[in-house]
């Protein structure tokens, strides 16, 4: 159950950070990683959606975790 809760927390944090960066005024200086995240907002949202779908459909948390790591690694390459 703790891994399920960790994935939920990761999802909430990811969506929160992404929405904060997307809604920031253009004149607000953001860290370099913010610009990279905004450029890949669709990919990050798709990743969050797929992990969320895994959790909602009752996927075993360890499998959901492994799929999330694989998808994130594929995005990063």
PDB file of N, CA and C in Angstrom:
ATOM      1  N   UNK A   1       0.820  -1.206   0.000  1.00  0.00           N
ATOM      2  CA  UNK A   1       0.000   0.000   0.000  1.00  0.00           C
ATOM      3  C   UNK A   1       0.862   1.267   0.000  1.00  0.00           C
ATOM      4  N   UNK A   2       2.027   1.217   0.625  1.00  0.00           N
ATOM      5  CA  UNK A   2       2.870   2.407   0.696  1.00  0.00           C
ATOM      6  C   UNK A   2       3.345   2.812  -0.694  1.00  0.00           C
ATOM      7  N   UNK A   3       3.597   1.838  -1.575  1.00  0.00           N
ATOM      8  CA  UNK A   3       4.060   2.181  -2.918  1.00  0.00           C
ATOM      9  C   UNK A   3       2.932   2.833  -3.714  1.00  0.00           C
ATOM     10  N   UNK A   4       1.732   2.363  -3.516  1.00  0.00           N
ATOM     11  CA  UNK A   4       0.567   2.990  -4.154  1.00  0.00           C
ATOM     12  C   UNK A   4       0.466   4.444  -3.708  1.00  0.00           C
ATOM     13  N   UNK A   5       0.578   4.678  -2.405  1.00  0.00           N
ATOM     14  CA  UNK A   5       0.503   6.036  -1.870  1.00  0.00           C
ATOM     15  C   UNK A   5       1.653   6.912  -2.396  1.00  0.00           C
ATOM     16  N   UNK A   6       2.829   6.325  -2.548  1.00  0.00           N
ATOM     17  CA  UNK A   6       3.971   7.072  -3.091  1.00  0.00           C
ATOM     18  C   UNK A   6       3.698   7.493  -4.534  1.00  0.00           C
ATOM     19  N   UNK A   7       3.147   6.595  -5.317  1.00  0.00           N
ATOM     20  CA  UNK A   7       2.811   6.943  -6.699  1.00  0.00           C
ATOM     21  C   UNK A   7       1.753   8.037  -6.754  1.00  0.00           C
ATOM     22  N   UNK A   8       0.764   7.966  -5.890  1.00  0.00           N
ATOM     23  CA  UNK A   8      -0.266   9.008  -5.839  1.00  0.00           C
ATOM     24  C   UNK A   8       0.367  10.348  -5.476  1.00  0.00           C
ATOM     25  N   UNK A   9       1.243  10.344  -4.480  1.00  0.00           N
ATOM     26  CA  UNK A   9       1.928  11.578  -4.085  1.00  0.00           C
ATOM     27  C   UNK A   9       2.778  12.113  -5.230  1.00  0.00           C
ATOM     28  N   UNK A  10       3.495  11.237  -5.920  1.00  0.00           N
ATOM     29  CA  UNK A  10       4.313  11.653  -7.072  1.00  0.00           C
ATOM     30  C   UNK A  10       3.429  12.280  -8.149  1.00  0.00           C
ATOM     31  N   UNK A  11       2.280  11.650  -8.417  1.00  0.00           N
ATOM     32  CA  UNK A  11       1.368  12.197  -9.419  1.00  0.00           C
ATOM     33  C   UNK A  11       0.882  13.585  -9.029  1.00  0.00           C
ATOM     34  N   UNK A  12       0.459  13.725  -7.784  1.00  0.00           N
ATOM     35  CA  UNK A  12      -0.041  15.027  -7.328  1.00  0.00           C
ATOM     36  C   UNK A  12       1.055  16.087  -7.413  1.00  0.00           C
ATOM     37  N   UNK A  13       2.240  15.746  -7.007  1.00  0.00           N
ATOM     38  CA  UNK A  13       3.347  16.694  -7.041  1.00  0.00           C
ATOM     39  C   UNK A  13       3.708  17.074  -8.476  1.00  0.00           C
ATOM     40  N   UNK A  14       3.762  16.096  -9.345  1.00  0.00           N
ATOM     41  CA  UNK A  14       4.105  16.351 -10.748  1.00  0.00           C
ATOM     42  C   UNK A  14       3.094  17.272 -11.408  1.00  0.00           C
ATOM     43  N   UNK A  15       1.815  16.985 -11.217  1.00  0.00           N
ATOM     44  CA  UNK A  15       0.766  17.814 -11.819  1.00  0.00           C
ATOM     45  C   UNK A  15       0.789  19.214 -11.219  1.00  0.00           C
ATOM     46  N   UNK A  16       1.017  19.317  -9.930  1.00  0.00           N
ATOM     47  CA  UNK A  16       1.074  20.615  -9.266  1.00  0.00           C
ATOM     48  C   UNK A  16       2.231  21.460  -9.796  1.00  0.00           C
ATOM     49  N   UNK A  17       3.419  20.877  -9.882  1.00  0.00           N
ATOM     50  CA  UNK A  17       4.589  21.616 -10.371  1.00  0.00           C
ATOM     51  C   UNK A  17       4.385  22.020 -11.830  1.00  0.00           C
ATOM     52  N   UNK A  18       3.909  21.094 -12.647  1.00  0.00           N
ATOM     53  CA  UNK A  18       3.688  21.412 -14.055  1.00  0.00           C
ATOM     54  C   UNK A  18       2.669  22.539 -14.221  1.00  0.00           C
ATOM     55  N   UNK A  19       1.574  22.481 -13.503  1.00  0.00           N
ATOM     56  CA  UNK A  19       0.558  23.537 -13.631  1.00  0.00           C
ATOM     57  C   UNK A  19       1.081  24.879 -13.120  1.00  0.00           C
ATOM     58  N   UNK A  20       1.925  24.849 -12.097  1.00  0.00           N
ATOM     59  CA  UNK A  20       2.525  26.086 -11.595  1.00  0.00           C
ATOM     60  C   UNK A  20       3.416  26.714 -12.665  1.00  0.00           C
ATOM     61  N   UNK A  21       4.250  25.909 -13.286  1.00  0.00           N
ATOM     62  CA  UNK A  21       5.141  26.433 -14.331  1.00  0.00           C
ATOM     63  C   UNK A  21       4.360  26.919 -15.548  1.00  0.00           C
ATOM     64  N   UNK A  22       3.323  26.187 -15.924  1.00  0.00           N
ATOM     65  CA  UNK A  22       2.536  26.584 -17.093  1.00  0.00           C
ATOM     66  C   UNK A  22       1.759  27.881 -16.862  1.00  0.00           C
ATOM     67  N   UNK A  23       1.386  28.141 -15.622  1.00  0.00           N
ATOM     68  CA  UNK A  23       0.592  29.338 -15.341  1.00  0.00           C
ATOM     69  C   UNK A  23       1.436  30.526 -14.887  1.00  0.00           C
ATOM     70  N   UNK A  24       2.739  30.337 -14.801  1.00  0.00           N
ATOM     71  CA  UNK A  24       3.620  31.435 -14.361  1.00  0.00           C
ATOM     72  C   UNK A  24       3.659  32.535 -15.422  1.00  0.00           C
ATOM     73  N   UNK A  25       3.680  33.795 -14.988  1.00  0.00           N
ATOM     74  CA  UNK A  25       3.804  34.896 -15.951  1.00  0.00           C
ATOM     75  C   UNK A  25       5.124  34.781 -16.736  1.00  0.00           C
ATOM     76  N   UNK A  26       5.090  35.194 -17.973  1.00  0.00           N
ATOM     77  CA  UNK A  26       6.278  35.087 -18.834  1.00  0.00           C
ATOM     78  C   UNK A  26       7.461  35.868 -18.265  1.00  0.00           C
ATOM     79  N   UNK A  27       7.193  36.928 -17.538  1.00  0.00           N
ATOM     80  CA  UNK A  27       8.273  37.754 -16.992  1.00  0.00           C
ATOM     81  C   UNK A  27       8.905  37.168 -15.728  1.00  0.00           C
ATOM     82  N   UNK A  28       8.303  36.126 -15.168  1.00  0.00           N
ATOM     83  CA  UNK A  28       8.826  35.519 -13.946  1.00  0.00           C
ATOM     84  C   UNK A  28      10.014  34.622 -14.286  1.00  0.00           C
ATOM     85  N   UNK A  29      11.172  34.896 -13.700  1.00  0.00           N
ATOM     86  CA  UNK A  29      12.320  34.034 -13.991  1.00  0.00           C
ATOM     87  C   UNK A  29      12.133  32.656 -13.332  1.00  0.00           C
ATOM     88  N   UNK A  30      12.219  31.632 -14.145  1.00  0.00           N
ATOM     89  CA  UNK A  30      12.076  30.266 -13.655  1.00  0.00           C
ATOM     90  C   UNK A  30      13.402  29.526 -13.814  1.00  0.00           C
ATOM     91  N   UNK A  31      13.627  28.508 -13.031  1.00  0.00           N
ATOM     92  CA  UNK A  31      14.861  27.737 -13.176  1.00  0.00           C
ATOM     93  C   UNK A  31      14.898  27.030 -14.531  1.00  0.00           C
ATOM     94  N   UNK A  32      16.091  26.694 -15.000  1.00  0.00           N
ATOM     95  CA  UNK A  32      16.213  26.047 -16.323  1.00  0.00           C
ATOM     96  C   UNK A  32      15.377  24.772 -16.463  1.00  0.00           C
ATOM     97  N   UNK A  33      15.279  23.986 -15.406  1.00  0.00           N
ATOM     98  CA  UNK A  33      14.497  22.757 -15.514  1.00  0.00           C
ATOM     99  C   UNK A  33      13.018  23.055 -15.709  1.00  0.00           C
ATOM    100  N   UNK A  34      12.556  24.225 -15.300  1.00  0.00           N
ATOM    101  CA  UNK A  34      11.158  24.601 -15.506  1.00  0.00           C
ATOM    102  C   UNK A  34      10.860  24.749 -16.996  1.00  0.00           C
ATOM    103  N   UNK A  35      11.768  25.396 -17.708  1.00  0.00           N
ATOM    104  CA  UNK A  35      11.575  25.564 -19.154  1.00  0.00           C
ATOM    105  C   UNK A  35      11.562  24.208 -19.857  1.00  0.00           C
ATOM    106  N   UNK A  36      12.442  23.311 -19.432  1.00  0.00           N
ATOM    107  CA  UNK A  36      12.469  21.971 -20.046  1.00  0.00           C
ATOM    108  C   UNK A  36      11.178  21.216 -19.759  1.00  0.00           C
ATOM    109  N   UNK A  37      10.658  21.362 -18.550  1.00  0.00           N
ATOM    110  CA  UNK A  37       9.420  20.690 -18.198  1.00  0.00           C
ATOM    111  C   UNK A  37       8.251  21.253 -19.005  1.00  0.00           C
ATOM    112  N   UNK A  38       8.205  22.558 -19.155  1.00  0.00           N
ATOM    113  CA  UNK A  38       7.130  23.193 -19.935  1.00  0.00           C
ATOM    114  C   UNK A  38       7.200  22.747 -21.396  1.00  0.00           C
ATOM    115  N   UNK A  39       8.402  22.631 -21.944  1.00  0.00           N
ATOM    116  CA  UNK A  39       8.553  22.179 -23.332  1.00  0.00           C
ATOM    117  C   UNK A  39       8.042  20.755 -23.531  1.00  0.00           C
ATOM    118  N   UNK A  40       8.066  19.968 -22.482  1.00  0.00           N
ATOM    119  CA  UNK A  40       7.631  18.572 -22.569  1.00  0.00           C
ATOM    120  C   UNK A  40       6.339  18.337 -21.785  1.00  0.00           C
ATOM    121  N   UNK A  41       5.543  19.374 -21.658  1.00  0.00           N
ATOM    122  CA  UNK A  41       4.318  19.297 -20.850  1.00  0.00           C
ATOM    123  C   UNK A  41       3.372  18.193 -21.327  1.00  0.00           C
ATOM    124  N   UNK A  42       3.233  18.034 -22.618  1.00  0.00           N
ATOM    125  CA  UNK A  42       2.324  17.003 -23.132  1.00  0.00           C
ATOM    126  C   UNK A  42       2.843  15.617 -22.759  1.00  0.00           C
ATOM    127  N   UNK A  43       4.133  15.404 -22.919  1.00  0.00           N
ATOM    128  CA  UNK A  43       4.718  14.103 -22.566  1.00  0.00           C
ATOM    129  C   UNK A  43       4.579  13.820 -21.069  1.00  0.00           C
ATOM    130  N   UNK A  44       4.838  14.828 -20.260  1.00  0.00           N
ATOM    131  CA  UNK A  44       4.724  14.660 -18.804  1.00  0.00           C
ATOM    132  C   UNK A  44       3.264  14.387 -18.424  1.00  0.00           C
ATOM    133  N   UNK A  45       2.343  15.090 -19.046  1.00  0.00           N
ATOM    134  CA  UNK A  45       0.919  14.856 -18.775  1.00  0.00           C
ATOM    135  C   UNK A  45       0.502  13.450 -19.192  1.00  0.00           C
ATOM    136  N   UNK A  46       1.002  13.002 -20.328  1.00  0.00           N
ATOM    137  CA  UNK A  46       0.692  11.642 -20.780  1.00  0.00           C
ATOM    138  C   UNK A  46       1.259  10.602 -19.810  1.00  0.00           C
ATOM    139  N   UNK A  47       2.456  10.857 -19.304  1.00  0.00           N
ATOM    140  CA  UNK A  47       3.048   9.960 -18.315  1.00  0.00           C
ATOM    141  C   UNK A  47       2.179   9.912 -17.060  1.00  0.00           C
ATOM    142  N   UNK A  48       1.784  11.070 -16.572  1.00  0.00           N
ATOM    143  CA  UNK A  48       0.936  11.124 -15.382  1.00  0.00           C
ATOM    144  C   UNK A  48      -0.402  10.417 -15.635  1.00  0.00           C
ATOM    145  N   UNK A  49      -0.949  10.599 -16.801  1.00  0.00           N
ATOM    146  CA  UNK A  49      -2.215   9.945 -17.154  1.00  0.00           C
ATOM    147  C   UNK A  49      -2.069   8.421 -17.168  1.00  0.00           C
ATOM    148  N   UNK A  50      -0.977   7.930 -17.736  1.00  0.00           N
ATOM    149  CA  UNK A  50      -0.806   6.478 -17.806  1.00  0.00           C
ATOM    150  C   UNK A  50      -0.589   5.870 -16.424  1.00  0.00           C
ATOM    151  N   UNK A  51       0.165   6.545 -15.574  1.00  0.00           N
ATOM    152  CA  UNK A  51       0.366   6.048 -14.204  1.00  0.00           C
ATOM    153  C   UNK A  51      -0.957   6.090 -13.442  1.00  0.00           C
ATOM    154  N   UNK A  52      -1.696   7.164 -13.615  1.00  0.00           N
ATOM    155  CA  UNK A  52      -2.997   7.284 -12.968  1.00  0.00           C
ATOM    156  C   UNK A  52      -3.929   6.155 -13.427  1.00  0.00           C
ATOM    157  N   UNK A  53      -3.919   5.880 -14.712  1.00  0.00           N
ATOM    158  CA  UNK A  53      -4.758   4.798 -15.240  1.00  0.00           C
ATOM    159  C   UNK A  53      -4.358   3.453 -14.643  1.00  0.00           C
ATOM    160  N   UNK A  54      -3.054   3.232 -14.499  1.00  0.00           N
ATOM    161  CA  UNK A  54      -2.595   1.994 -13.858  1.00  0.00           C
ATOM    162  C   UNK A  54      -3.169   1.869 -12.452  1.00  0.00           C
ATOM    163  N   UNK A  55      -3.114   2.954 -11.696  1.00  0.00           N
ATOM    164  CA  UNK A  55      -3.579   2.913 -10.311  1.00  0.00           C
ATOM    165  C   UNK A  55      -5.093   2.758 -10.224  1.00  0.00           C
ATOM    166  N   UNK A  56      -5.819   3.427 -11.102  1.00  0.00           N
ATOM    167  CA  UNK A  56      -7.279   3.373 -11.077  1.00  0.00           C
ATOM    168  C   UNK A  56      -7.778   1.985 -11.467  1.00  0.00           C
ATOM    169  N   UNK A  57      -7.096   1.339 -12.388  1.00  0.00           N
ATOM    170  CA  UNK A  57      -7.540   0.016 -12.845  1.00  0.00           C
ATOM    171  C   UNK A  57      -7.102  -1.091 -11.894  1.00  0.00           C
ATOM    172  N   UNK A  58      -6.417  -0.726 -10.816  1.00  0.00           N
ATOM    173  CA  UNK A  58      -6.051  -1.713  -9.814  1.00  0.00           C
ATOM    174  C   UNK A  58      -4.781  -2.470 -10.106  1.00  0.00           C
ATOM    175  N   UNK A  59      -3.925  -1.898 -10.940  1.00  0.00           N
ATOM    176  CA  UNK A  59      -2.642  -2.556 -11.217  1.00  0.00           C
ATOM    177  C   UNK A  59      -1.858  -2.715  -9.925  1.00  0.00           C
ATOM    178  N   UNK A  60      -1.109  -3.775  -9.852  1.00  0.00           N
ATOM    179  CA  UNK A  60      -0.263  -4.029  -8.689  1.00  0.00           C
ATOM    180  C   UNK A  60       0.758  -2.894  -8.597  1.00  0.00           C
ATOM    181  N   UNK A  61       0.926  -2.272  -7.424  1.00  0.00           N
ATOM    182  CA  UNK A  61       1.784  -1.091  -7.306  1.00  0.00           C
ATOM    183  C   UNK A  61       3.216  -1.287  -7.801  1.00  0.00           C
ATOM    184  N   UNK A  62       3.798  -2.455  -7.565  1.00  0.00           N
ATOM    185  CA  UNK A  62       5.168  -2.671  -8.044  1.00  0.00           C
ATOM    186  C   UNK A  62       5.235  -2.654  -9.566  1.00  0.00           C
ATOM    187  N   UNK A  63       4.219  -3.215 -10.212  1.00  0.00           N
ATOM    188  CA  UNK A  63       4.167  -3.181 -11.674  1.00  0.00           C
ATOM    189  C   UNK A  63       3.943  -1.761 -12.175  1.00  0.00           C
ATOM    190  N   UNK A  64       3.055  -1.014 -11.509  1.00  0.00           N
ATOM    191  CA  UNK A  64       2.810   0.381 -11.886  1.00  0.00           C
ATOM    192  C   UNK A  64       4.083   1.202 -11.726  1.00  0.00           C
ATOM    193  N   UNK A  65       4.818   0.951 -10.652  1.00  0.00           N
ATOM    194  CA  UNK A  65       6.085   1.657 -10.412  1.00  0.00           C
ATOM    195  C   UNK A  65       7.081   1.354 -11.532  1.00  0.00           C
ATOM    196  N   UNK A  66       7.241   0.095 -11.878  1.00  0.00           N
ATOM    197  CA  UNK A  66       8.186  -0.293 -12.933  1.00  0.00           C
ATOM    198  C   UNK A  66       7.794   0.328 -14.271  1.00  0.00           C
ATOM    199  N   UNK A  67       6.509   0.318 -14.592  1.00  0.00           N
ATOM    200  CA  UNK A  67       6.060   0.938 -15.848  1.00  0.00           C
ATOM    201  C   UNK A  67       6.329   2.439 -15.841  1.00  0.00           C
ATOM    202  N   UNK A  68       6.113   3.087 -14.691  1.00  0.00           N
ATOM    203  CA  UNK A  68       6.370   4.526 -14.582  1.00  0.00           C
ATOM    204  C   UNK A  68       7.835   4.814 -14.812  1.00  0.00           C
ATOM    205  N   UNK A  69       8.710   4.037 -14.181  1.00  0.00           N
ATOM    206  CA  UNK A  69      10.156   4.240 -14.350  1.00  0.00           C
ATOM    207  C   UNK A  69      10.557   4.010 -15.808  1.00  0.00           C
ATOM    208  N   UNK A  70      10.038   2.964 -16.424  1.00  0.00           N
ATOM    209  CA  UNK A  70      10.356   2.682 -17.826  1.00  0.00           C
ATOM    210  C   UNK A  70       9.897   3.813 -18.739  1.00  0.00           C
ATOM    211  N   UNK A  71       8.683   4.288 -18.510  1.00  0.00           N
ATOM    212  CA  UNK A  71       8.151   5.390 -19.345  1.00  0.00           C
ATOM    213  C   UNK A  71       8.950   6.678 -19.143  1.00  0.00           C
ATOM    214  N   UNK A  72       9.306   6.971 -17.899  1.00  0.00           N
ATOM    215  CA  UNK A  72      10.095   8.174 -17.628  1.00  0.00           C
ATOM    216  C   UNK A  72      11.471   8.060 -18.262  1.00  0.00           C
ATOM    217  N   UNK A  73      12.084   6.901 -18.181  1.00  0.00           N
ATOM    218  CA  UNK A  73      13.400   6.701 -18.801  1.00  0.00           C
ATOM    219  C   UNK A  73      13.315   6.847 -20.320  1.00  0.00           C
ATOM    220  N   UNK A  74      12.271   6.332 -20.904  1.00  0.00           N
ATOM    221  CA  UNK A  74      12.094   6.471 -22.353  1.00  0.00           C
ATOM    222  C   UNK A  74      11.909   7.928 -22.742  1.00  0.00           C
ATOM    223  N   UNK A  75      11.171   8.673 -21.931  1.00  0.00           N
ATOM    224  CA  UNK A  75      10.985  10.107 -22.184  1.00  0.00           C
ATOM    225  C   UNK A  75      12.299  10.857 -22.107  1.00  0.00           C
ATOM    226  N   UNK A  76      13.130  10.479 -21.159  1.00  0.00           N
ATOM    227  CA  UNK A  76      14.386  11.200 -20.912  1.00  0.00           C
ATOM    228  C   UNK A  76      15.428  10.911 -21.989  1.00  0.00           C
ATOM    229  N   UNK A  77      15.276   9.829 -22.711  1.00  0.00           N
ATOM    230  CA  UNK A  77      16.294   9.502 -23.717  1.00  0.00           C
ATOM    231  C   UNK A  77      16.042  10.154 -25.044  1.00  0.00           C
TER     232      UNK A  77
END
